[in-house]
Protein backbone atom coordinates (compact mmCIF):
# COMPACT_ATOMS: atom_id res chain seq x y z
CA MET A 1 186.74 170.59 -66.55
CA ASP A 2 183.79 169.67 -68.93
CA ARG A 3 185.90 166.89 -70.42
CA LEU A 4 186.73 165.45 -67.11
CA ARG A 5 183.11 165.60 -66.11
CA TYR A 6 182.09 163.87 -69.30
CA ILE A 7 184.53 160.97 -68.82
CA LEU A 8 183.39 160.71 -65.14
CA VAL A 9 179.76 160.41 -66.08
CA ILE A 10 180.59 157.81 -68.74
CA ALA A 11 182.35 155.81 -66.22
CA LEU A 12 179.44 156.04 -63.93
CA ALA A 13 177.05 154.78 -66.52
CA PHE A 14 179.32 151.79 -67.21
CA SER A 15 179.53 151.23 -63.60
CA TYR A 16 175.80 151.38 -63.34
CA GLN A 17 175.28 148.78 -66.01
CA GLN A 18 177.80 146.52 -64.32
CA THR A 19 175.87 146.83 -60.85
CA VAL A 20 172.81 144.76 -61.76
CA PHE A 21 169.57 146.38 -60.86
CA ALA A 22 170.69 148.75 -58.05
CA GLN A 23 168.07 150.97 -56.45
CA LYS A 24 166.31 152.47 -59.38
CA SER A 25 165.75 156.00 -57.98
CA ASN A 26 169.49 156.40 -57.08
CA SER A 27 170.64 155.01 -60.47
CA VAL A 28 168.29 157.27 -62.37
CA ASN A 29 169.44 160.28 -60.42
CA GLU A 30 173.08 159.52 -61.27
CA LEU A 31 172.23 159.06 -65.00
CA ASN A 32 170.37 162.38 -65.12
CA ILE A 33 173.94 163.88 -65.09
CA THR A 34 175.00 161.71 -68.01
CA ASP A 35 171.87 162.57 -69.87
CA LYS A 36 172.69 166.33 -69.87
CA LYS A 37 175.98 165.54 -71.60
CA ILE A 38 174.84 162.93 -74.15
CA ASP A 39 172.05 163.56 -76.57
CA GLU A 40 171.66 160.73 -79.12
CA SER A 41 169.53 160.81 -82.08
CA ILE A 42 168.87 158.38 -84.96
CA TYR A 43 168.57 158.92 -88.70
CA ILE A 44 167.67 156.26 -91.18
CA SER A 45 168.64 156.27 -94.81
CA THR A 46 166.56 153.98 -97.19
CA ASN A 47 166.99 152.84 -100.77
CA ALA A 48 163.44 154.38 -101.45
CA ASN A 49 160.36 155.49 -99.69
CA SER A 50 157.91 153.63 -101.95
CA PHE A 51 157.84 149.92 -102.58
CA LEU A 52 155.77 147.09 -104.22
CA THR A 53 155.19 143.97 -102.42
CA GLY A 54 157.88 141.56 -103.53
CA GLU A 55 160.53 144.31 -103.39
CA LYS A 56 163.12 144.77 -100.62
CA LEU A 57 163.36 147.66 -98.21
CA LEU A 58 167.07 148.46 -97.59
CA TYR A 59 168.13 150.72 -94.90
CA GLU A 60 171.21 152.18 -93.01
CA ILE A 61 170.82 153.53 -89.49
CA PHE A 62 172.98 156.20 -88.14
CA CYS A 63 173.34 157.04 -84.40
CA ILE A 64 174.50 160.54 -83.88
CA ASP A 65 175.77 162.27 -80.60
CA LYS A 66 174.38 165.66 -81.14
CA THR A 67 176.38 167.09 -78.31
CA ALA A 68 179.76 166.19 -79.87
CA ASN A 69 178.51 166.27 -83.49
CA THR A 70 179.99 162.88 -84.10
CA ALA A 71 178.90 159.34 -84.55
CA SER A 72 177.74 158.16 -81.16
CA ILE A 73 180.17 156.03 -79.13
CA PHE A 74 177.54 155.48 -76.44
CA SER A 75 174.80 152.96 -77.57
CA LYS A 76 176.08 149.89 -79.24
CA ILE A 77 172.48 148.56 -80.15
CA ALA A 78 169.78 150.31 -82.08
CA TYR A 79 166.22 149.10 -83.14
CA VAL A 80 164.23 149.57 -86.26
CA GLN A 81 160.51 149.02 -86.50
CA LEU A 82 157.96 149.26 -89.44
CA ILE A 83 154.67 150.57 -88.16
CA ASP A 84 151.46 150.35 -90.19
CA ASN A 85 148.58 152.94 -90.25
CA SER A 86 146.72 151.18 -87.43
CA LYS A 87 149.94 151.68 -85.43
CA LYS A 88 150.66 147.96 -85.25
CA THR A 89 154.28 146.73 -85.56
CA VAL A 90 155.04 144.92 -88.83
CA PHE A 91 158.65 144.04 -87.83
CA THR A 92 161.19 144.92 -85.21
CA HIS A 93 164.97 144.66 -86.08
CA LYS A 94 167.90 144.76 -83.64
CA LEU A 95 171.20 146.01 -84.94
CA PHE A 96 174.74 146.10 -83.62
CA LEU A 97 176.27 149.53 -84.34
CA THR A 98 179.80 149.91 -85.62
CA LYS A 99 181.15 153.47 -85.37
CA GLY A 100 177.48 154.50 -84.84
CA ALA A 101 176.03 152.81 -87.87
CA GLY A 102 174.34 149.67 -88.80
CA SER A 103 172.16 148.26 -91.68
CA GLY A 104 169.33 145.93 -92.38
CA ASP A 105 166.58 144.99 -94.92
CA PHE A 106 163.15 143.80 -95.10
CA PHE A 107 161.45 141.82 -97.88
CA ILE A 108 157.90 143.30 -98.40
CA PRO A 109 155.42 140.33 -98.29
CA THR A 110 152.06 140.10 -100.12
CA THR A 111 150.32 140.03 -96.75
CA LEU A 112 150.70 143.72 -96.34
CA GLU A 113 147.94 146.11 -97.32
CA SER A 114 148.58 149.13 -99.57
CA GLY A 115 149.04 152.26 -97.67
CA SER A 116 151.23 154.39 -95.58
CA TYR A 117 153.68 153.15 -93.03
CA LYS A 118 156.23 154.57 -90.60
CA LEU A 119 159.98 153.32 -90.37
CA VAL A 120 161.06 154.13 -86.80
CA GLY A 121 164.46 154.00 -85.20
CA TYR A 122 165.70 154.38 -81.66
CA THR A 123 168.18 153.27 -78.99
CA ASN A 124 167.18 152.20 -75.56
CA TRP A 125 168.84 155.35 -74.24
CA MET A 126 166.36 157.55 -76.20
CA LEU A 127 163.34 155.65 -74.67
CA ASN A 128 164.37 156.91 -71.11
CA LYS A 129 163.16 160.43 -71.70
CA ASN A 130 159.87 161.63 -70.15
CA THR A 131 158.60 161.58 -73.70
CA PRO A 132 160.35 158.79 -75.54
CA GLU A 133 162.38 159.94 -78.58
CA TYR A 134 162.49 158.13 -81.88
CA PHE A 135 163.21 158.84 -85.55
CA SER A 136 160.37 158.17 -88.17
CA THR A 137 160.10 158.44 -91.80
CA ASP A 138 157.25 157.74 -94.13
CA ILE A 139 157.17 154.46 -96.21
CA TYR A 140 154.57 153.75 -98.83
CA ILE A 141 153.69 150.20 -99.86
CA ILE A 142 151.49 149.15 -102.86
CA ASN A 143 150.11 145.69 -102.86
CA PRO A 144 148.77 145.18 -106.50
CA TYR A 145 147.27 141.86 -105.42
CA LYS A 146 144.91 143.41 -103.04
CA GLU A 147 142.39 146.25 -103.38
CA ASN A 148 143.11 149.50 -101.55
CA PRO A 149 141.76 149.47 -97.97
CA SER A 150 138.27 151.08 -97.77
CA GLY A 151 138.40 154.79 -97.08
CA SER A 152 141.72 155.24 -98.53
CA THR A 153 142.32 158.18 -100.86
CA VAL A 154 144.71 158.68 -103.66
CA SER A 155 146.01 161.95 -105.04
CA TYR A 156 148.47 162.51 -107.75
CA ASN A 157 151.79 164.24 -107.57
CA ALA A 158 154.58 164.75 -110.07
CA VAL A 159 158.06 163.63 -109.19
CA SER A 160 160.79 166.11 -109.61
CA LEU A 161 164.05 164.83 -110.91
CA GLU A 162 166.53 167.50 -109.77
CA PRO A 163 170.05 166.89 -108.70
CA ALA A 164 171.12 167.54 -105.14
CA THR A 165 174.65 168.80 -104.53
CA ASN A 166 177.17 169.43 -101.71
CA SER A 167 180.14 171.54 -102.24
CA ASN A 168 182.22 169.33 -99.98
CA ILE A 169 181.56 165.97 -101.67
CA SER A 170 180.57 165.10 -105.29
CA PHE A 171 180.16 162.29 -107.76
CA ASP A 172 182.51 161.98 -110.54
CA PHE A 173 181.08 160.13 -113.59
CA LYS A 174 183.05 159.22 -116.66
CA THR A 175 179.63 159.25 -118.49
CA LYS A 176 176.04 159.34 -117.43
CA SER A 177 174.55 157.16 -120.43
CA TYR A 178 174.97 153.41 -120.55
CA ASN A 179 173.64 150.48 -122.55
CA CYS A 180 172.09 147.52 -120.88
CA ARG A 181 174.59 145.49 -118.88
CA ASP A 182 177.37 148.04 -119.31
CA LEU A 183 179.96 148.47 -116.55
CA VAL A 184 179.12 151.77 -114.68
CA GLU A 185 182.01 153.53 -113.01
CA LEU A 186 181.23 155.84 -110.25
CA GLY A 187 183.80 158.04 -108.55
CA ILE A 188 183.23 159.99 -105.23
CA LYS A 189 185.54 162.76 -104.55
CA SER A 190 186.20 165.25 -101.80
CA ASN A 191 188.92 167.77 -100.86
CA SER A 192 187.91 167.69 -97.23
CA ASP A 193 189.35 165.10 -94.78
CA GLU A 194 186.22 165.55 -92.58
CA PHE A 195 184.00 164.29 -95.42
CA VAL A 196 186.36 161.56 -96.61
CA LYS A 197 186.24 160.08 -93.04
CA GLY A 198 182.38 160.29 -92.93
CA ASN A 199 179.91 157.31 -92.81
CA TYR A 200 177.60 156.93 -96.01
CA SER A 201 175.25 154.70 -97.74
CA VAL A 202 175.09 154.54 -101.65
CA SER A 203 172.02 153.66 -103.57
CA VAL A 204 171.49 153.46 -107.39
CA ARG A 205 167.75 152.84 -108.10
CA LYS A 206 165.29 153.36 -110.92
CA ALA A 207 163.70 156.84 -110.61
CA ASP A 208 160.32 155.77 -111.97
CA GLY A 209 158.95 155.89 -108.51
CA TYR A 210 155.19 155.78 -108.52
CA LEU A 211 155.14 157.92 -105.45
CA ALA A 212 156.68 161.25 -104.61
CA GLN A 213 160.21 160.62 -103.46
CA ASN A 214 160.03 162.93 -100.45
CA LYS A 215 162.87 161.81 -98.07
CA ALA A 216 163.11 162.82 -94.48
CA ILE A 217 165.75 165.52 -93.74
CA PHE A 218 167.95 164.94 -90.64
CA SER A 219 167.68 168.54 -89.54
CA ASN A 220 163.93 168.13 -89.12
CA ALA A 221 164.04 164.92 -87.16
CA ASN A 222 164.63 164.31 -83.57
CA THR A 223 163.46 167.77 -82.55
CA SER A 224 162.47 166.88 -79.11
CA GLN A 225 164.10 169.17 -76.41
CA ASN A 226 163.19 167.01 -73.54
CA SER A 227 166.24 165.80 -71.86
CA GLU A 228 164.95 164.43 -68.34
CA ILE A 229 165.16 160.68 -67.71
CA THR A 230 161.95 159.07 -66.32
CA THR A 231 161.91 156.81 -63.36
CA SER A 232 159.07 154.82 -64.80
CA GLN A 233 159.95 151.69 -66.64
CA PHE A 234 163.65 152.64 -66.89
CA VAL A 235 165.37 150.80 -69.77
CA PHE A 236 168.99 149.82 -69.48
CA PRO A 237 171.18 151.69 -72.08
CA GLU A 238 173.10 149.17 -74.12
CA LEU A 239 176.55 150.63 -73.59
CA ARG A 240 178.63 147.50 -74.28
CA GLY A 241 176.30 145.40 -76.41
CA GLU A 242 173.09 143.58 -76.26
CA ILE A 243 171.29 143.47 -72.87
CA ILE A 244 169.00 140.53 -71.80
CA THR A 245 167.35 140.84 -68.40
CA GLY A 246 164.89 138.70 -66.45
CA LYS A 247 164.09 137.34 -63.02
CA ILE A 248 163.70 134.00 -61.19
CA SER A 249 160.88 133.32 -58.72
CA SER A 250 160.19 130.61 -56.34
CA ALA A 251 157.39 129.63 -53.79
CA LYS A 252 159.78 127.71 -51.82
CA ALA A 253 163.30 129.01 -52.05
CA ASP A 254 165.20 132.26 -51.64
CA VAL A 255 165.87 134.03 -55.02
CA LYS A 256 168.88 136.06 -53.91
CA GLY A 257 172.36 135.23 -55.07
CA LYS A 258 171.42 132.40 -57.31
CA LYS A 259 173.42 131.36 -60.52
CA VAL A 260 171.72 131.59 -63.88
CA ALA A 261 173.36 130.57 -67.10
CA PHE A 262 172.69 132.09 -70.59
CA SER A 263 173.73 129.84 -73.58
CA ILE A 264 173.60 130.44 -77.27
CA VAL A 265 173.99 126.90 -78.41
CA GLY A 266 175.76 126.32 -81.66
CA LYS A 267 179.20 126.27 -83.43
CA ASN A 268 179.82 129.88 -82.41
CA SER A 269 178.50 129.44 -78.97
CA VAL A 270 178.11 131.91 -76.16
CA LEU A 271 177.94 131.24 -72.54
CA LYS A 272 177.33 133.74 -69.61
CA ILE A 273 176.69 133.24 -65.97
CA ALA A 274 174.97 135.85 -63.73
CA LYS A 275 174.02 136.15 -60.03
CA THR A 276 170.70 137.34 -59.08
CA ASP A 277 170.08 140.33 -56.85
CA ASP A 278 167.62 140.65 -53.86
CA GLN A 279 164.62 140.45 -56.07
CA GLY A 280 165.83 137.58 -58.16
CA ARG A 281 166.74 139.70 -61.14
CA PHE A 282 169.62 139.06 -63.51
CA LEU A 283 171.27 140.71 -66.45
CA PHE A 284 173.43 139.42 -69.35
CA ILE A 285 175.49 141.55 -71.67
CA LEU A 286 176.42 140.13 -75.12
CA GLU A 287 179.35 142.28 -76.38
CA LYS A 288 179.48 140.70 -79.87
CA GLU A 289 176.73 140.12 -82.39
CA ASN A 290 175.44 136.59 -82.66
CA PRO A 291 172.33 136.07 -84.67
CA ASN A 292 171.82 132.49 -83.53
CA SER A 293 168.36 132.11 -81.97
CA ASN A 294 169.12 128.72 -80.25
CA ILE A 295 169.04 130.19 -76.66
CA ILE A 296 168.85 128.21 -73.39
CA ILE A 297 168.59 129.94 -70.07
CA GLN A 298 168.82 127.73 -66.87
CA VAL A 299 169.13 127.94 -63.16
CA LEU A 300 172.46 126.45 -61.91
CA GLU A 301 171.48 125.49 -58.37
CA SER A 302 170.62 122.43 -56.28
CA GLY A 303 166.91 122.31 -56.15
CA LYS A 304 166.61 124.08 -59.41
CA GLU A 305 163.15 122.59 -60.00
CA ASP A 306 161.81 124.96 -57.42
CA TYR A 307 162.57 128.04 -59.60
CA VAL A 308 160.66 129.74 -62.47
CA ILE A 309 162.61 131.85 -65.13
CA GLU A 310 160.96 134.81 -66.86
CA ILE A 311 162.57 137.04 -69.50
CA ASP A 312 161.85 140.82 -69.80
CA LYS A 313 160.14 141.87 -72.91
CA GLN A 314 161.25 144.92 -75.01
CA LYS A 315 159.71 148.10 -73.79
CA ASN A 316 156.48 149.03 -75.66
CA ILE A 317 156.71 152.45 -77.36
CA ASP A 318 153.70 154.77 -77.47
CA PHE A 319 153.11 155.52 -81.11
CA SER A 320 149.83 157.32 -80.55
CA ASN A 321 151.40 160.62 -81.85
CA LEU A 322 152.23 159.13 -85.26
CA THR A 323 150.30 160.63 -88.18
CA PHE A 324 150.20 158.90 -91.56
CA PRO A 325 149.94 161.11 -94.68
CA THR A 326 147.61 160.40 -97.79
CA VAL A 327 149.42 158.39 -100.44
CA GLN A 328 150.53 160.56 -103.37
CA PHE A 329 150.84 158.78 -106.70
CA ASN A 330 152.33 160.44 -109.70
CA SER A 331 150.35 160.51 -112.90
CA ASP A 332 152.10 157.47 -114.53
CA PHE A 333 151.75 155.29 -111.56
CA LYS A 334 149.58 152.57 -113.16
CA LYS A 335 152.07 151.95 -115.99
CA ASN A 336 155.03 152.07 -113.55
CA ILE A 337 153.41 149.62 -111.18
CA THR A 338 152.82 147.11 -114.03
CA GLU A 339 156.40 147.57 -115.21
CA ARG A 340 157.91 147.18 -111.75
CA LEU A 341 155.52 144.23 -110.89
CA ILE A 342 156.77 142.26 -113.86
CA SER A 343 160.33 143.15 -113.15
CA THR A 344 160.01 142.11 -109.50
CA GLN A 345 158.44 138.77 -110.47
CA VAL A 346 161.29 138.05 -112.91
CA GLU A 347 163.87 138.86 -110.28
CA ASN A 348 162.36 136.79 -107.52
CA ALA A 349 162.00 133.81 -109.97
CA TYR A 350 165.80 133.87 -110.10
CA TYR A 351 166.28 134.35 -106.40
CA ASP A 352 168.40 131.21 -106.07
CA VAL A 353 171.08 132.55 -108.42
CA LYS A 354 170.82 136.16 -107.09
CA LYS A 355 170.99 135.68 -103.43
CA ASP A 356 172.73 138.24 -101.04
CA SER A 357 175.56 136.71 -99.13
CA MET A 358 175.77 136.78 -95.46
CA ILE A 359 178.82 138.35 -93.80
CA THR A 360 179.78 135.86 -91.13
CA PRO A 361 180.68 137.51 -87.74
CA PRO A 362 184.10 136.73 -86.71
CA VAL A 363 184.36 133.51 -84.73
CA PRO A 364 184.51 134.58 -81.06
CA ILE A 365 187.40 133.36 -78.91
CA PRO A 366 185.75 131.15 -76.11
CA PHE A 367 185.45 132.73 -72.71
CA TYR A 368 188.11 130.36 -71.38
CA GLY A 369 190.67 131.70 -74.03
CA ALA A 370 192.42 130.24 -77.00
CA THR A 371 195.30 128.34 -74.96
CA THR A 372 193.69 125.09 -74.10
CA GLU A 373 194.51 121.39 -74.53
CA GLU A 374 192.47 120.64 -77.62
CA PHE A 375 191.57 117.00 -78.84
CA LYS A 376 190.25 116.75 -82.37
CA LEU A 377 188.65 113.29 -82.14
CA ASP A 378 189.20 112.41 -85.75
CA ASP A 379 192.90 112.45 -85.00
CA TYR A 380 192.49 109.55 -82.85
CA THR A 381 190.95 106.12 -82.98
CA ARG A 382 187.24 106.50 -82.40
CA PHE A 383 185.57 104.72 -79.55
CA PRO A 384 181.92 103.49 -79.37
CA ASN A 385 180.93 105.41 -76.22
CA ILE A 386 181.58 108.42 -74.05
CA GLU A 387 183.29 106.50 -71.31
CA GLU A 388 185.96 105.05 -73.44
CA THR A 389 186.46 108.28 -75.43
CA ILE A 390 187.23 110.17 -72.04
CA THR A 391 189.49 107.43 -70.84
CA GLU A 392 191.57 106.73 -73.92
CA ILE A 393 191.76 110.16 -75.46
CA LEU A 394 191.15 113.05 -72.95
CA LYS A 395 194.53 113.29 -71.21
CA GLY A 396 193.96 114.73 -67.53
CA VAL A 397 190.19 114.01 -67.65
CA TYR A 398 188.36 111.12 -65.98
CA TYR A 399 184.85 110.19 -65.19
CA ARG A 400 183.14 108.62 -62.20
CA LYS A 401 179.76 106.79 -61.87
CA ASN A 402 178.24 106.69 -58.37
CA ASN A 403 174.73 105.45 -57.72
CA ASN A 404 174.19 105.46 -61.52
CA GLU A 405 175.06 109.12 -61.65
CA TYR A 406 177.94 110.21 -63.92
CA SER A 407 180.45 112.94 -63.31
CA ILE A 408 183.42 114.29 -65.19
CA HIS A 409 186.57 115.60 -63.45
CA VAL A 410 189.81 117.37 -64.53
CA PHE A 411 193.11 116.72 -62.82
CA ASP A 412 194.68 119.90 -61.38
CA ASN A 413 197.84 121.26 -62.74
CA ASP A 414 199.31 119.38 -59.66
CA GLU A 415 198.00 115.95 -60.34
CA ASN A 416 198.48 115.03 -56.56
CA TYR A 417 195.83 117.61 -55.57
CA GLU A 418 192.13 116.93 -56.04
CA SER A 419 189.68 119.86 -55.68
CA ALA A 420 186.22 119.43 -54.18
CA LEU A 421 184.89 121.84 -56.73
CA PRO A 422 183.26 120.42 -59.83
CA ALA A 423 184.48 120.82 -63.39
CA MET A 424 182.49 123.00 -65.76
CA ILE A 425 181.16 120.59 -68.44
CA ILE A 426 179.87 122.32 -71.68
CA VAL A 427 178.47 120.97 -74.93
CA ASP A 428 178.13 123.45 -77.71
CA GLY A 429 177.86 126.27 -75.13
CA LEU A 430 175.37 124.64 -72.99
CA ILE A 431 176.39 123.91 -69.33
CA LEU A 432 175.55 120.37 -68.24
CA GLU A 433 174.99 119.61 -64.65
CA ASN A 434 173.24 116.24 -65.00
CA LEU A 435 175.51 114.10 -67.26
CA ASN A 436 173.60 110.99 -67.62
CA GLU A 437 171.90 111.91 -70.94
CA PHE A 438 175.29 113.05 -72.24
CA PHE A 439 176.87 109.73 -71.55
CA ALA A 440 174.23 108.25 -73.78
CA PHE A 441 175.33 110.61 -76.62
CA ASN A 442 176.94 109.16 -79.89
CA PRO A 443 180.70 110.26 -79.61
CA LYS A 444 181.03 110.02 -83.32
CA LEU A 445 179.08 113.18 -83.43
CA ILE A 446 181.54 115.04 -81.34
CA TYR A 447 184.20 117.14 -83.37
CA LYS A 448 186.58 118.24 -80.65
CA VAL A 449 187.14 118.72 -76.92
CA ASN A 450 188.92 121.53 -75.31
CA VAL A 451 190.19 121.14 -71.61
CA VAL A 452 191.29 123.80 -69.16
CA ARG A 453 193.08 122.77 -65.91
CA GLY A 454 193.08 124.39 -62.63
CA LEU A 455 190.68 126.69 -60.58
CA TYR A 456 188.46 128.74 -62.85
CA TYR A 457 186.13 131.64 -61.92
CA TYR A 458 183.45 132.56 -64.44
CA GLY A 459 180.67 134.88 -63.64
CA SER A 460 179.92 134.35 -60.02
CA LYS A 461 180.76 130.65 -59.96
CA SER A 462 183.95 128.66 -59.34
CA PHE A 463 184.97 125.47 -61.09
CA ASN A 464 187.85 123.01 -61.03
CA GLY A 465 188.73 122.94 -64.65
CA ILE A 466 186.64 123.07 -67.88
CA VAL A 467 185.76 120.41 -70.32
CA SER A 468 184.08 121.84 -73.53
CA PHE A 469 182.69 119.45 -76.11
CA SER A 470 181.90 120.70 -79.64
CA THR A 471 179.72 118.66 -81.87
CA LYS A 472 180.21 118.46 -85.56
CA ASN A 473 176.91 120.23 -86.41
CA GLY A 474 176.63 122.51 -83.25
CA ASP A 475 173.17 121.15 -82.50
CA TYR A 476 173.30 119.51 -79.18
CA ASP A 477 170.14 119.61 -77.22
CA THR A 478 169.03 118.54 -73.74
CA LYS A 479 166.07 116.70 -72.75
CA LEU A 480 165.66 118.63 -69.44
CA LYS A 481 162.29 120.29 -69.16
CA GLY A 482 160.82 122.61 -66.62
CA GLN A 483 160.38 126.22 -65.72
CA PHE A 484 164.00 126.37 -64.46
CA ILE A 485 165.32 125.78 -68.03
CA ILE A 486 163.72 127.75 -70.76
CA ARG A 487 164.18 128.29 -74.56
CA PRO A 488 162.93 131.83 -74.95
CA GLU A 489 162.36 133.72 -78.22
CA ILE A 490 164.65 136.64 -77.93
CA LEU A 491 165.02 139.16 -80.80
CA ARG A 492 168.25 138.40 -82.54
CA PRO A 493 170.52 140.96 -84.32
CA GLN A 494 170.40 141.48 -88.02
CA VAL A 495 173.02 139.65 -90.04
CA LYS A 496 175.17 141.98 -92.16
CA LYS A 497 175.10 141.18 -95.83
CA ASN A 498 176.92 141.82 -99.16
CA TYR A 499 174.04 142.65 -101.51
CA PHE A 500 173.89 140.97 -104.92
CA SER A 501 175.46 142.54 -107.91
CA PRO A 502 176.03 140.55 -111.12
CA ASP A 503 179.35 140.31 -112.89
CA TYR A 504 179.27 140.55 -116.71
CA SER A 505 182.88 140.49 -117.33
CA SER A 506 182.39 136.92 -118.60
CA ASN A 507 179.42 135.16 -120.32
CA LYS A 508 178.65 133.14 -117.05
CA ASN A 509 175.29 135.03 -116.39
CA ALA A 510 174.56 136.14 -119.94
CA ARG A 511 171.43 133.95 -120.24
CA ILE A 512 169.99 134.96 -116.89
CA PRO A 513 167.29 137.82 -117.10
CA ASP A 514 168.23 140.99 -115.36
CA TYR A 515 165.53 143.39 -114.51
CA ARG A 516 166.97 144.85 -111.45
CA HIS A 517 165.55 148.40 -110.54
CA GLN A 518 167.98 148.46 -107.64
CA LEU A 519 171.43 148.38 -109.26
CA LEU A 520 173.51 149.01 -106.19
CA TRP A 521 173.15 149.17 -102.48
CA LEU A 522 176.26 149.78 -100.21
CA PRO A 523 174.98 150.44 -96.81
CA SER A 524 178.24 151.47 -95.37
CA ILE A 525 181.05 152.78 -97.47
CA ASP A 526 184.53 153.82 -96.61
CA LEU A 527 185.67 156.57 -98.92
CA LYS A 528 189.26 156.06 -97.94
CA ILE A 529 189.02 152.63 -99.61
CA ASP A 530 185.89 152.78 -101.88
CA SER A 531 185.99 156.05 -103.51
CA ASN A 532 185.76 154.34 -107.04
CA ILE A 533 182.78 152.02 -107.38
CA LYS A 534 182.03 149.63 -110.27
CA PHE A 535 178.73 147.91 -110.89
CA TYR A 536 176.75 146.71 -113.90
CA ALA A 537 173.60 148.26 -115.46
CA SER A 538 170.54 145.93 -115.89
CA ASP A 539 168.15 145.21 -118.77
CA ALA A 540 165.61 147.74 -117.50
CA PRO A 541 166.13 151.08 -119.37
CA GLY A 542 165.39 154.42 -117.87
CA LYS A 543 166.59 157.07 -115.45
CA TYR A 544 168.30 155.93 -112.21
CA GLU A 545 168.89 157.95 -109.09
CA VAL A 546 172.38 157.82 -107.60
CA ILE A 547 172.29 158.90 -104.05
CA LEU A 548 174.91 159.20 -101.41
CA GLU A 549 173.58 159.86 -97.83
CA GLY A 550 175.07 159.99 -94.41
CA PHE A 551 177.21 162.05 -92.14
CA SER A 552 180.67 163.57 -92.21
CA ALA A 553 183.17 162.78 -89.50
CA ASN A 554 181.99 165.84 -87.59
CA GLY A 555 178.31 164.91 -87.83
CA LYS A 556 177.31 167.15 -90.71
CA PRO A 557 174.43 165.59 -92.71
CA VAL A 558 175.28 164.79 -96.27
CA PHE A 559 172.79 164.18 -99.16
CA ILE A 560 173.79 164.31 -102.76
CA LYS A 561 171.93 163.01 -105.79
CA ASP A 562 172.56 162.63 -109.49
CA PHE A 563 171.18 160.61 -112.40
CA ILE A 564 172.37 158.19 -114.97
CA GLU A 565 170.44 156.69 -117.89
CA ILE A 566 170.24 153.21 -119.25
CA LYS A 567 169.21 153.14 -122.90
CA GLU A 568 166.84 150.84 -124.59
CA LYS A 569 168.66 147.75 -126.07
CA ASP A 570 167.80 148.71 -129.55
CA SER A 571 168.95 152.43 -129.05
CA ASN A 572 171.67 153.81 -131.30
């Protein structure tokens, strides 16, 4: 019975998200049932908790369903913020979650002051409690180029270098002592299928931290017992992906049932169409991650000039309860800061040859599907204008010009039938209703055209066929201006990365200095595939922490730590 109820309330939640802006009180009452069954919490694993400006904060975020003791299958989006000790936001990151996990990074700029900070993580679902819930952990930043803020205090604390073990999972080292630039082989072993199927991050970082490395413990985080949803400023839970909401208003026209289009304009374009509710509100759901910030939202109505579009902002979180501890330096911090500062400057000087590589998201299948008539224009004779290009190349497509106004049409599958409905005309994901400026566009900049015939329903609008133009650079822009078409700044999701790791199996990089203090960062490791890890030591001798952190398949927190040593170059 409980399982049936669980499935039912999940279905209700999905239905709720699909029914755009229903009566808030009724929706919240329904979701109170769901809230009793789903209890999400966030944990963030970082590569360190103390940083110099010029270094990189690396993190992995885990979303846990505490009711089921597994990775959460509920929220698909999580947020991470860095908060300074005046409780102002330094950055906000949005992350798509895969199996309840996501990762990101932040380069520490020299504009930040030395002091204590908080790294905060949450999902929209967690913000809907009477007291919003979020995970927080302490981050310490030292800016050697600026004096400490007035009134700050410094106390000293010794760092304890003690291994941390777990009987269910462990490291397997061939040796723990290496020379500079040696190949390091790290095995991870477990006899438990539950732990092999877990989700973990792996960090190898120099253990000369100038601050006490006190990491947050998952069992001490997310301790709030409040499970009631508030009816004030309700935030839509992001069940299927990224949610973008807003409204249209007009002093002259009705705002109910109007069509609004959302476009991410580019090579991997996204197009969504929504219909407004009684109050003129609309909602878009982006199921796939797309970091492109070239976003255009427009009203698709006659008399569109009478409308004004506004996009909702992310809910502000009350951080008044955050407390910031006194910075604790160990006794060798001045020496270590100097060494790390030099190493960081050398590494940043060679940034161009030590870049992290972006993991390109899969190319999305267009909303109209993969089976279209496709015309790659370089396969044909090129023509000097759009009119001739349509007439000579695009089979089944024609244009008209009446009263100096252009239109493009698609023959139906039955060419003897002509629908009164317009065709959907798209360029790089942007719907065009006024085609005059497009007909002045240089066709040599168009890469391909995809054509769909027949009646097509998309969102809440009907079309007689689709003609989708893709430019070579994915950079088409419209000259239309007004409050009915806006280019909002919307927080985009973090791009996944493969973090730089040199290869010294050849002499290719032999002459490039290597003063990395972060030897390895794997934000999401699959032990079924990656139980044997190889990476190279750097030219910076000393002790290095090897940390694996995350959760087993059944949601049990895991933290194991050991050490390796890189010897001085002239050591025997």
